[in-house]
Amino acid sequence: MAFVIGEPCVDVKDMTCIEECPVDCIYEGERMLYIHPSECIDCAACEPVCPVEAIRPAQHVDDRWRPFQESAKSAFDVLGSPGGSTKVDPPIEDTEYVKNFEKH
């Protein structure tokens, strides 16, 4: 997984990153956005445009963000690999972790 979207995106979903992604690998969930781990090409176009700094390279994910990394993997285990977010009707179903996540 090249990049991970974490807690700052929950209930914000700015979507500027979706517009910047050249491969359409960022999917809209009900509460947050998810980067498809096998569709991301590691270009980093999404990271600097996120106004809430919710996107990090996977190698820089700490323990606080690890559940969001696992959630993205789980979301796409269910969805599969449709070949881009424009090929599915948004929103995709959030994972149980994200559904139950309480922001502090």
PDB file of N, CA and C in Angstrom:
ATOM      1  N   MET A   1       0.850  -1.178   0.000  1.00  0.00           N
ATOM      2  CA  MET A   1       0.000   0.000   0.000  1.00  0.00           C
ATOM      3  C   MET A   1       0.888   1.231   0.000  1.00  0.00           C
ATOM      4  N   ALA A   2       0.690   2.094  -0.943  1.00  0.00           N
ATOM      5  CA  ALA A   2       1.557   3.255  -1.084  1.00  0.00           C
ATOM      6  C   ALA A   2       1.195   4.394  -0.136  1.00  0.00           C
ATOM      7  N   PHE A   3      -0.080   4.736  -0.031  1.00  0.00           N
ATOM      8  CA  PHE A   3      -0.525   5.822   0.839  1.00  0.00           C
ATOM      9  C   PHE A   3      -1.737   5.382   1.633  1.00  0.00           C
ATOM     10  N   VAL A   4      -1.917   6.019   2.785  1.00  0.00           N
ATOM     11  CA  VAL A   4      -3.007   5.680   3.705  1.00  0.00           C
ATOM     12  C   VAL A   4      -3.734   6.965   4.081  1.00  0.00           C
ATOM     13  N   ILE A   5      -5.050   6.891   4.136  1.00  0.00           N
ATOM     14  CA  ILE A   5      -5.861   8.005   4.632  1.00  0.00           C
ATOM     15  C   ILE A   5      -6.260   7.663   6.053  1.00  0.00           C
ATOM     16  N   GLY A   6      -6.048   8.608   6.969  1.00  0.00           N
ATOM     17  CA  GLY A   6      -6.284   8.354   8.385  1.00  0.00           C
ATOM     18  C   GLY A   6      -7.363   9.204   9.019  1.00  0.00           C
ATOM     19  N   GLU A   7      -7.330   9.232  10.333  1.00  0.00           N
ATOM     20  CA  GLU A   7      -8.351   9.839  11.187  1.00  0.00           C
ATOM     21  C   GLU A   7      -8.772  11.258  10.814  1.00  0.00           C
ATOM     22  N   PRO A   8      -7.874  12.147  10.387  1.00  0.00           N
ATOM     23  CA  PRO A   8      -8.337  13.502  10.075  1.00  0.00           C
ATOM     24  C   PRO A   8      -9.406  13.567   8.981  1.00  0.00           C
ATOM     25  N   CYS A   9      -9.508  12.536   8.157  1.00  0.00           N
ATOM     26  CA  CYS A   9     -10.498  12.520   7.074  1.00  0.00           C
ATOM     27  C   CYS A   9     -11.895  12.130   7.563  1.00  0.00           C
ATOM     28  N   VAL A  10     -11.983  11.447   8.687  1.00  0.00           N
ATOM     29  CA  VAL A  10     -13.281  10.964   9.171  1.00  0.00           C
ATOM     30  C   VAL A  10     -14.230  12.144   9.360  1.00  0.00           C
ATOM     31  N   ASP A  11     -15.376  12.048   8.724  1.00  0.00           N
ATOM     32  CA  ASP A  11     -16.445  13.056   8.751  1.00  0.00           C
ATOM     33  C   ASP A  11     -16.048  14.384   8.112  1.00  0.00           C
ATOM     34  N   VAL A  12     -14.953  14.409   7.350  1.00  0.00           N
ATOM     35  CA  VAL A  12     -14.540  15.620   6.634  1.00  0.00           C
ATOM     36  C   VAL A  12     -14.687  15.404   5.124  1.00  0.00           C
ATOM     37  N   LYS A  13     -14.001  14.406   4.588  1.00  0.00           N
ATOM     38  CA  LYS A  13     -14.064  14.036   3.172  1.00  0.00           C
ATOM     39  C   LYS A  13     -13.952  15.236   2.232  1.00  0.00           C
ATOM     40  N   ASP A  14     -12.857  15.962   2.298  1.00  0.00           N
ATOM     41  CA  ASP A  14     -12.644  17.142   1.452  1.00  0.00           C
ATOM     42  C   ASP A  14     -12.695  16.827  -0.047  1.00  0.00           C
ATOM     43  N   MET A  15     -12.188  15.715  -0.470  1.00  0.00           N
ATOM     44  CA  MET A  15     -12.212  15.197  -1.836  1.00  0.00           C
ATOM     45  C   MET A  15     -11.288  15.890  -2.828  1.00  0.00           C
ATOM     46  N   THR A  16     -10.491  16.850  -2.392  1.00  0.00           N
ATOM     47  CA  THR A  16      -9.501  17.449  -3.284  1.00  0.00           C
ATOM     48  C   THR A  16      -8.536  16.380  -3.782  1.00  0.00           C
ATOM     49  N   CYS A  17      -8.234  15.431  -2.930  1.00  0.00           N
ATOM     50  CA  CYS A  17      -7.311  14.356  -3.307  1.00  0.00           C
ATOM     51  C   CYS A  17      -7.859  13.523  -4.464  1.00  0.00           C
ATOM     52  N   ILE A  18      -9.166  13.330  -4.497  1.00  0.00           N
ATOM     53  CA  ILE A  18      -9.784  12.558  -5.581  1.00  0.00           C
ATOM     54  C   ILE A  18      -9.535  13.246  -6.915  1.00  0.00           C
ATOM     55  N   GLU A  19      -9.663  14.559  -6.935  1.00  0.00           N
ATOM     56  CA  GLU A  19      -9.448  15.329  -8.161  1.00  0.00           C
ATOM     57  C   GLU A  19      -7.998  15.249  -8.630  1.00  0.00           C
ATOM     58  N   GLU A  20      -7.058  15.133  -7.702  1.00  0.00           N
ATOM     59  CA  GLU A  20      -5.630  15.103  -8.047  1.00  0.00           C
ATOM     60  C   GLU A  20      -5.124  13.725  -8.453  1.00  0.00           C
ATOM     61  N   CYS A  21      -5.801  12.677  -8.029  1.00  0.00           N
ATOM     62  CA  CYS A  21      -5.315  11.316  -8.276  1.00  0.00           C
ATOM     63  C   CYS A  21      -5.378  10.970  -9.768  1.00  0.00           C
ATOM     64  N   PRO A  22      -4.235  10.676 -10.394  1.00  0.00           N
ATOM     65  CA  PRO A  22      -4.228  10.385 -11.827  1.00  0.00           C
ATOM     66  C   PRO A  22      -4.745   8.995 -12.190  1.00  0.00           C
ATOM     67  N   VAL A  23      -4.882   8.108 -11.197  1.00  0.00           N
ATOM     68  CA  VAL A  23      -5.327   6.745 -11.496  1.00  0.00           C
ATOM     69  C   VAL A  23      -6.671   6.402 -10.862  1.00  0.00           C
ATOM     70  N   ASP A  24      -7.349   7.382 -10.268  1.00  0.00           N
ATOM     71  CA  ASP A  24      -8.702   7.179  -9.749  1.00  0.00           C
ATOM     72  C   ASP A  24      -8.757   6.076  -8.687  1.00  0.00           C
ATOM     73  N   CYS A  25      -7.774   6.068  -7.768  1.00  0.00           N
ATOM     74  CA  CYS A  25      -7.713   4.996  -6.769  1.00  0.00           C
ATOM     75  C   CYS A  25      -8.242   5.402  -5.398  1.00  0.00           C
ATOM     76  N   ILE A  26      -8.837   6.597  -5.285  1.00  0.00           N
ATOM     77  CA  ILE A  26      -9.366   7.056  -4.003  1.00  0.00           C
ATOM     78  C   ILE A  26     -10.884   6.961  -4.049  1.00  0.00           C
ATOM     79  N   TYR A  27     -11.423   6.176  -3.129  1.00  0.00           N
ATOM     80  CA  TYR A  27     -12.847   5.862  -3.109  1.00  0.00           C
ATOM     81  C   TYR A  27     -13.535   6.564  -1.946  1.00  0.00           C
ATOM     82  N   GLU A  28     -14.748   7.015  -2.196  1.00  0.00           N
ATOM     83  CA  GLU A  28     -15.527   7.680  -1.162  1.00  0.00           C
ATOM     84  C   GLU A  28     -16.292   6.655  -0.339  1.00  0.00           C
ATOM     85  N   GLY A  29     -16.068   6.686   0.979  1.00  0.00           N
ATOM     86  CA  GLY A  29     -16.863   5.891   1.901  1.00  0.00           C
ATOM     87  C   GLY A  29     -17.937   6.773   2.511  1.00  0.00           C
ATOM     88  N   GLU A  30     -18.675   6.239   3.457  1.00  0.00           N
ATOM     89  CA  GLU A  30     -19.730   7.018   4.094  1.00  0.00           C
ATOM     90  C   GLU A  30     -19.162   8.098   5.008  1.00  0.00           C
ATOM     91  N   ARG A  31     -18.073   7.783   5.729  1.00  0.00           N
ATOM     92  CA  ARG A  31     -17.489   8.734   6.684  1.00  0.00           C
ATOM     93  C   ARG A  31     -16.115   9.243   6.287  1.00  0.00           C
ATOM     94  N   MET A  32     -15.442   8.552   5.380  1.00  0.00           N
ATOM     95  CA  MET A  32     -14.086   8.955   4.994  1.00  0.00           C
ATOM     96  C   MET A  32     -13.763   8.432   3.606  1.00  0.00           C
ATOM     97  N   LEU A  33     -12.585   8.775   3.123  1.00  0.00           N
ATOM     98  CA  LEU A  33     -12.094   8.299   1.840  1.00  0.00           C
ATOM     99  C   LEU A  33     -11.086   7.175   2.071  1.00  0.00           C
ATOM    100  N   TYR A  34     -10.941   6.310   1.073  1.00  0.00           N
ATOM    101  CA  TYR A  34     -10.034   5.167   1.155  1.00  0.00           C
ATOM    102  C   TYR A  34      -9.176   5.108  -0.103  1.00  0.00           C
ATOM    103  N   ILE A  35      -7.892   4.831   0.061  1.00  0.00           N
ATOM    104  CA  ILE A  35      -6.998   4.619  -1.078  1.00  0.00           C
ATOM    105  C   ILE A  35      -6.897   3.118  -1.325  1.00  0.00           C
ATOM    106  N   HIS A  36      -7.191   2.721  -2.561  1.00  0.00           N
ATOM    107  CA  HIS A  36      -7.120   1.299  -2.917  1.00  0.00           C
ATOM    108  C   HIS A  36      -5.649   0.888  -2.959  1.00  0.00           C
ATOM    109  N   PRO A  37      -5.246  -0.061  -2.107  1.00  0.00           N
ATOM    110  CA  PRO A  37      -3.821  -0.409  -1.999  1.00  0.00           C
ATOM    111  C   PRO A  37      -3.202  -0.984  -3.265  1.00  0.00           C
ATOM    112  N   SER A  38      -3.975  -1.662  -4.091  1.00  0.00           N
ATOM    113  CA  SER A  38      -3.364  -2.238  -5.295  1.00  0.00           C
ATOM    114  C   SER A  38      -3.530  -1.353  -6.526  1.00  0.00           C
ATOM    115  N   GLU A  39      -4.315  -0.296  -6.425  1.00  0.00           N
ATOM    116  CA  GLU A  39      -4.483   0.620  -7.558  1.00  0.00           C
ATOM    117  C   GLU A  39      -3.593   1.857  -7.445  1.00  0.00           C
ATOM    118  N   CYS A  40      -3.147   2.179  -6.239  1.00  0.00           N
ATOM    119  CA  CYS A  40      -2.296   3.352  -6.016  1.00  0.00           C
ATOM    120  C   CYS A  40      -0.925   3.120  -6.656  1.00  0.00           C
ATOM    121  N   ILE A  41      -0.443   4.126  -7.381  1.00  0.00           N
ATOM    122  CA  ILE A  41       0.856   4.011  -8.060  1.00  0.00           C
ATOM    123  C   ILE A  41       1.968   4.756  -7.323  1.00  0.00           C
ATOM    124  N   ASP A  42       1.694   5.205  -6.109  1.00  0.00           N
ATOM    125  CA  ASP A  42       2.707   5.848  -5.269  1.00  0.00           C
ATOM    126  C   ASP A  42       3.231   7.154  -5.868  1.00  0.00           C
ATOM    127  N   CYS A  43       2.347   7.901  -6.528  1.00  0.00           N
ATOM    128  CA  CYS A  43       2.776   9.152  -7.165  1.00  0.00           C
ATOM    129  C   CYS A  43       2.804  10.325  -6.192  1.00  0.00           C
ATOM    130  N   ALA A  44       2.081  10.222  -5.082  1.00  0.00           N
ATOM    131  CA  ALA A  44       2.034  11.243  -4.033  1.00  0.00           C
ATOM    132  C   ALA A  44       1.274  12.510  -4.415  1.00  0.00           C
ATOM    133  N   ALA A  45       0.527  12.501  -5.503  1.00  0.00           N
ATOM    134  CA  ALA A  45      -0.229  13.696  -5.902  1.00  0.00           C
ATOM    135  C   ALA A  45      -1.289  14.072  -4.871  1.00  0.00           C
ATOM    136  N   CYS A  46      -1.814  13.104  -4.172  1.00  0.00           N
ATOM    137  CA  CYS A  46      -2.889  13.339  -3.206  1.00  0.00           C
ATOM    138  C   CYS A  46      -2.403  13.975  -1.904  1.00  0.00           C
ATOM    139  N   GLU A  47      -1.237  13.602  -1.473  1.00  0.00           N
ATOM    140  CA  GLU A  47      -0.761  13.991  -0.141  1.00  0.00           C
ATOM    141  C   GLU A  47      -0.683  15.501   0.090  1.00  0.00           C
ATOM    142  N   PRO A  48      -0.051  16.279  -0.769  1.00  0.00           N
ATOM    143  CA  PRO A  48       0.086  17.707  -0.466  1.00  0.00           C
ATOM    144  C   PRO A  48      -1.201  18.520  -0.602  1.00  0.00           C
ATOM    145  N   VAL A  49      -2.207  17.996  -1.284  1.00  0.00           N
ATOM    146  CA  VAL A  49      -3.435  18.778  -1.478  1.00  0.00           C
ATOM    147  C   VAL A  49      -4.470  18.566  -0.383  1.00  0.00           C
ATOM    148  N   CYS A  50      -4.250  17.608   0.490  1.00  0.00           N
ATOM    149  CA  CYS A  50      -5.215  17.339   1.562  1.00  0.00           C
ATOM    150  C   CYS A  50      -5.143  18.461   2.604  1.00  0.00           C
ATOM    151  N   PRO A  51      -6.228  19.219   2.786  1.00  0.00           N
ATOM    152  CA  PRO A  51      -6.192  20.354   3.710  1.00  0.00           C
ATOM    153  C   PRO A  51      -6.152  19.960   5.184  1.00  0.00           C
ATOM    154  N   VAL A  52      -6.467  18.692   5.492  1.00  0.00           N
ATOM    155  CA  VAL A  52      -6.454  18.254   6.894  1.00  0.00           C
ATOM    156  C   VAL A  52      -5.299  17.293   7.187  1.00  0.00           C
ATOM    157  N   GLU A  53      -4.374  17.158   6.235  1.00  0.00           N
ATOM    158  CA  GLU A  53      -3.192  16.294   6.379  1.00  0.00           C
ATOM    159  C   GLU A  53      -3.562  14.868   6.790  1.00  0.00           C
ATOM    160  N   ALA A  54      -4.541  14.320   6.074  1.00  0.00           N
ATOM    161  CA  ALA A  54      -5.045  12.983   6.378  1.00  0.00           C
ATOM    162  C   ALA A  54      -4.377  11.885   5.568  1.00  0.00           C
ATOM    163  N   ILE A  55      -3.407  12.221   4.727  1.00  0.00           N
ATOM    164  CA  ILE A  55      -2.778  11.229   3.850  1.00  0.00           C
ATOM    165  C   ILE A  55      -1.291  11.132   4.169  1.00  0.00           C
ATOM    166  N   ARG A  56      -0.846   9.878   4.357  1.00  0.00           N
ATOM    167  CA  ARG A  56       0.570   9.618   4.659  1.00  0.00           C
ATOM    168  C   ARG A  56       1.058   8.432   3.844  1.00  0.00           C
ATOM    169  N   PRO A  57       2.356   8.411   3.564  1.00  0.00           N
ATOM    170  CA  PRO A  57       2.924   7.204   2.964  1.00  0.00           C
ATOM    171  C   PRO A  57       2.778   6.034   3.945  1.00  0.00           C
ATOM    172  N   ALA A  58       2.502   4.868   3.428  1.00  0.00           N
ATOM    173  CA  ALA A  58       2.284   3.697   4.287  1.00  0.00           C
ATOM    174  C   ALA A  58       3.468   3.422   5.202  1.00  0.00           C
ATOM    175  N   GLN A  59       4.679   3.692   4.736  1.00  0.00           N
ATOM    176  CA  GLN A  59       5.856   3.415   5.563  1.00  0.00           C
ATOM    177  C   GLN A  59       5.977   4.376   6.742  1.00  0.00           C
ATOM    178  N   HIS A  60       5.179   5.447   6.767  1.00  0.00           N
ATOM    179  CA  HIS A  60       5.205   6.405   7.877  1.00  0.00           C
ATOM    180  C   HIS A  60       3.966   6.318   8.760  1.00  0.00           C
ATOM    181  N   VAL A  61       3.228   5.238   8.650  1.00  0.00           N
ATOM    182  CA  VAL A  61       2.025   5.053   9.459  1.00  0.00           C
ATOM    183  C   VAL A  61       2.432   4.616  10.861  1.00  0.00           C
ATOM    184  N   ASP A  62       1.924   5.324  11.864  1.00  0.00           N
ATOM    185  CA  ASP A  62       2.218   4.964  13.254  1.00  0.00           C
ATOM    186  C   ASP A  62       1.067   4.132  13.832  1.00  0.00           C
ATOM    187  N   ASP A  63       1.167   3.786  15.099  1.00  0.00           N
ATOM    188  CA  ASP A  63       0.155   2.931  15.727  1.00  0.00           C
ATOM    189  C   ASP A  63      -1.234   3.554  15.701  1.00  0.00           C
ATOM    190  N   ARG A  64      -1.307   4.876  15.768  1.00  0.00           N
ATOM    191  CA  ARG A  64      -2.599   5.558  15.746  1.00  0.00           C
ATOM    192  C   ARG A  64      -3.283   5.407  14.386  1.00  0.00           C
ATOM    193  N   TRP A  65      -2.500   5.332  13.329  1.00  0.00           N
ATOM    194  CA  TRP A  65      -3.054   5.228  11.974  1.00  0.00           C
ATOM    195  C   TRP A  65      -3.171   3.792  11.468  1.00  0.00           C
ATOM    196  N   ARG A  66      -2.501   2.862  12.142  1.00  0.00           N
ATOM    197  CA  ARG A  66      -2.509   1.484  11.657  1.00  0.00           C
ATOM    198  C   ARG A  66      -3.916   0.906  11.468  1.00  0.00           C
ATOM    199  N   PRO A  67      -4.872   1.177  12.371  1.00  0.00           N
ATOM    200  CA  PRO A  67      -6.227   0.655  12.140  1.00  0.00           C
ATOM    201  C   PRO A  67      -6.866   1.186  10.852  1.00  0.00           C
ATOM    202  N   PHE A  68      -6.506   2.387  10.445  1.00  0.00           N
ATOM    203  CA  PHE A  68      -7.037   2.929   9.198  1.00  0.00           C
ATOM    204  C   PHE A  68      -6.399   2.245   7.995  1.00  0.00           C
ATOM    205  N   GLN A  69      -5.134   1.893   8.112  1.00  0.00           N
ATOM    206  CA  GLN A  69      -4.460   1.134   7.059  1.00  0.00           C
ATOM    207  C   GLN A  69      -5.124  -0.234   6.913  1.00  0.00           C
ATOM    208  N   GLU A  70      -5.383  -0.886   8.034  1.00  0.00           N
ATOM    209  CA  GLU A  70      -6.056  -2.188   8.010  1.00  0.00           C
ATOM    210  C   GLU A  70      -7.481  -2.060   7.489  1.00  0.00           C
ATOM    211  N   SER A  71      -8.154  -0.960   7.830  1.00  0.00           N
ATOM    212  CA  SER A  71      -9.519  -0.733   7.352  1.00  0.00           C
ATOM    213  C   SER A  71      -9.565  -0.613   5.835  1.00  0.00           C
ATOM    214  N   ALA A  72      -8.592   0.080   5.260  1.00  0.00           N
ATOM    215  CA  ALA A  72      -8.556   0.204   3.799  1.00  0.00           C
ATOM    216  C   ALA A  72      -8.384  -1.168   3.157  1.00  0.00           C
ATOM    217  N   LYS A  73      -7.491  -1.969   3.711  1.00  0.00           N
ATOM    218  CA  LYS A  73      -7.308  -3.327   3.183  1.00  0.00           C
ATOM    219  C   LYS A  73      -8.609  -4.112   3.268  1.00  0.00           C
ATOM    220  N   SER A  74      -9.290  -4.021   4.406  1.00  0.00           N
ATOM    221  CA  SER A  74     -10.554  -4.743   4.606  1.00  0.00           C
ATOM    222  C   SER A  74     -11.640  -4.264   3.656  1.00  0.00           C
ATOM    223  N   ALA A  75     -11.728  -2.952   3.461  1.00  0.00           N
ATOM    224  CA  ALA A  75     -12.753  -2.394   2.571  1.00  0.00           C
ATOM    225  C   ALA A  75     -12.601  -2.953   1.162  1.00  0.00           C
ATOM    226  N   PHE A  76     -11.367  -3.091   0.706  1.00  0.00           N
ATOM    227  CA  PHE A  76     -11.151  -3.563  -0.652  1.00  0.00           C
ATOM    228  C   PHE A  76     -11.111  -5.084  -0.749  1.00  0.00           C
ATOM    229  N   ASP A  77     -10.965  -5.776   0.373  1.00  0.00           N
ATOM    230  CA  ASP A  77     -11.164  -7.228   0.362  1.00  0.00           C
ATOM    231  C   ASP A  77     -12.611  -7.519  -0.011  1.00  0.00           C
ATOM    232  N   VAL A  78     -13.523  -6.682   0.471  1.00  0.00           N
ATOM    233  CA  VAL A  78     -14.951  -6.843   0.181  1.00  0.00           C
ATOM    234  C   VAL A  78     -15.271  -6.341  -1.228  1.00  0.00           C
ATOM    235  N   LEU A  79     -14.786  -5.154  -1.580  1.00  0.00           N
ATOM    236  CA  LEU A  79     -15.116  -4.521  -2.862  1.00  0.00           C
ATOM    237  C   LEU A  79     -14.385  -5.154  -4.039  1.00  0.00           C
ATOM    238  N   GLY A  80     -13.199  -5.647  -3.803  1.00  0.00           N
ATOM    239  CA  GLY A  80     -12.386  -6.168  -4.891  1.00  0.00           C
ATOM    240  C   GLY A  80     -11.609  -5.050  -5.552  1.00  0.00           C
ATOM    241  N   SER A  81     -11.311  -5.218  -6.823  1.00  0.00           N
ATOM    242  CA  SER A  81     -10.543  -4.221  -7.562  1.00  0.00           C
ATOM    243  C   SER A  81     -11.316  -3.811  -8.810  1.00  0.00           C
ATOM    244  N   PRO A  82     -12.220  -2.835  -8.656  1.00  0.00           N
ATOM    245  CA  PRO A  82     -13.052  -2.442  -9.793  1.00  0.00           C
ATOM    246  C   PRO A  82     -12.321  -1.655 -10.876  1.00  0.00           C
ATOM    247  N   GLY A  83     -11.091  -1.208 -10.601  1.00  0.00           N
ATOM    248  CA  GLY A  83     -10.330  -0.477 -11.603  1.00  0.00           C
ATOM    249  C   GLY A  83     -10.580   1.015 -11.608  1.00  0.00           C
ATOM    250  N   GLY A  84     -10.939   1.550 -10.458  1.00  0.00           N
ATOM    251  CA  GLY A  84     -11.145   2.987 -10.326  1.00  0.00           C
ATOM    252  C   GLY A  84     -12.458   3.312  -9.642  1.00  0.00           C
ATOM    253  N   SER A  85     -12.438   4.399  -8.891  1.00  0.00           N
ATOM    254  CA  SER A  85     -13.620   4.755  -8.101  1.00  0.00           C
ATOM    255  C   SER A  85     -14.802   5.174  -8.959  1.00  0.00           C
ATOM    256  N   THR A  86     -14.558   5.633 -10.179  1.00  0.00           N
ATOM    257  CA  THR A  86     -15.674   6.036 -11.031  1.00  0.00           C
ATOM    258  C   THR A  86     -16.461   4.840 -11.552  1.00  0.00           C
ATOM    259  N   LYS A  87     -15.963   3.638 -11.312  1.00  0.00           N
ATOM    260  CA  LYS A  87     -16.658   2.435 -11.767  1.00  0.00           C
ATOM    261  C   LYS A  87     -17.610   1.867 -10.721  1.00  0.00           C
ATOM    262  N   VAL A  88     -17.687   2.505  -9.553  1.00  0.00           N
ATOM    263  CA  VAL A  88     -18.622   2.070  -8.507  1.00  0.00           C
ATOM    264  C   VAL A  88     -19.447   3.273  -8.062  1.00  0.00           C
ATOM    265  N   ASP A  89     -20.653   2.995  -7.601  1.00  0.00           N
ATOM    266  CA  ASP A  89     -21.489   4.070  -7.073  1.00  0.00           C
ATOM    267  C   ASP A  89     -21.053   4.382  -5.656  1.00  0.00           C
ATOM    268  N   PRO A  90     -20.702   5.644  -5.397  1.00  0.00           N
ATOM    269  CA  PRO A  90     -20.325   5.999  -4.021  1.00  0.00           C
ATOM    270  C   PRO A  90     -21.573   6.116  -3.157  1.00  0.00           C
ATOM    271  N   PRO A  91     -21.445   5.985  -1.891  1.00  0.00           N
ATOM    272  CA  PRO A  91     -20.216   5.643  -1.192  1.00  0.00           C
ATOM    273  C   PRO A  91     -20.048   4.134  -1.076  1.00  0.00           C
ATOM    274  N   ILE A  92     -18.782   3.693  -0.931  1.00  0.00           N
ATOM    275  CA  ILE A  92     -18.551   2.295  -0.588  1.00  0.00           C
ATOM    276  C   ILE A  92     -18.840   2.157   0.903  1.00  0.00           C
ATOM    277  N   GLU A  93     -19.092   0.947   1.337  1.00  0.00           N
ATOM    278  CA  GLU A  93     -19.416   0.738   2.748  1.00  0.00           C
ATOM    279  C   GLU A  93     -18.171   0.891   3.612  1.00  0.00           C
ATOM    280  N   ASP A  94     -18.304   1.709   4.650  1.00  0.00           N
ATOM    281  CA  ASP A  94     -17.208   1.863   5.598  1.00  0.00           C
ATOM    282  C   ASP A  94     -16.986   0.559   6.358  1.00  0.00           C
ATOM    283  N   THR A  95     -15.766   0.367   6.814  1.00  0.00           N
ATOM    284  CA  THR A  95     -15.455  -0.791   7.642  1.00  0.00           C
ATOM    285  C   THR A  95     -16.063  -0.597   9.028  1.00  0.00           C
ATOM    286  N   GLU A  96     -16.160  -1.657   9.778  1.00  0.00           N
ATOM    287  CA  GLU A  96     -16.710  -1.565  11.137  1.00  0.00           C
ATOM    288  C   GLU A  96     -15.890  -0.609  11.992  1.00  0.00           C
ATOM    289  N   TYR A  97     -14.571  -0.638  11.823  1.00  0.00           N
ATOM    290  CA  TYR A  97     -13.719   0.261  12.602  1.00  0.00           C
ATOM    291  C   TYR A  97     -14.099   1.720  12.339  1.00  0.00           C
ATOM    292  N   VAL A  98     -14.251   2.079  11.085  1.00  0.00           N
ATOM    293  CA  VAL A  98     -14.577   3.464  10.733  1.00  0.00           C
ATOM    294  C   VAL A  98     -16.008   3.801  11.135  1.00  0.00           C
ATOM    295  N   LYS A  99     -16.931   2.884  10.933  1.00  0.00           N
ATOM    296  CA  LYS A  99     -18.326   3.131  11.343  1.00  0.00           C
ATOM    297  C   LYS A  99     -18.410   3.478  12.822  1.00  0.00           C
ATOM    298  N   ASN A 100     -17.632   2.792  13.630  1.00  0.00           N
ATOM    299  CA  ASN A 100     -17.698   2.958  15.085  1.00  0.00           C
ATOM    300  C   ASN A 100     -16.670   3.934  15.645  1.00  0.00           C
ATOM    301  N   PHE A 101     -15.851   4.520  14.790  1.00  0.00           N
ATOM    302  CA  PHE A 101     -14.789   5.407  15.252  1.00  0.00           C
ATOM    303  C   PHE A 101     -15.369   6.694  15.828  1.00  0.00           C
ATOM    304  N   GLU A 102     -14.872   7.065  17.003  1.00  0.00           N
ATOM    305  CA  GLU A 102     -15.287   8.315  17.640  1.00  0.00           C
ATOM    306  C   GLU A 102     -14.115   9.280  17.616  1.00  0.00           C
ATOM    307  N   LYS A 103     -14.334  10.430  16.990  1.00  0.00           N
ATOM    308  CA  LYS A 103     -13.287  11.460  16.950  1.00  0.00           C
ATOM    309  C   LYS A 103     -13.189  12.131  18.305  1.00  0.00           C
ATOM    310  N   HIS A 104     -11.967  12.476  18.680  1.00  0.00           N
ATOM    311  CA  HIS A 104     -11.745  13.150  19.967  1.00  0.00           C
ATOM    312  C   HIS A 104     -11.340  14.571  19.745  1.00  0.00           C
TER     313      HIS A 104
END
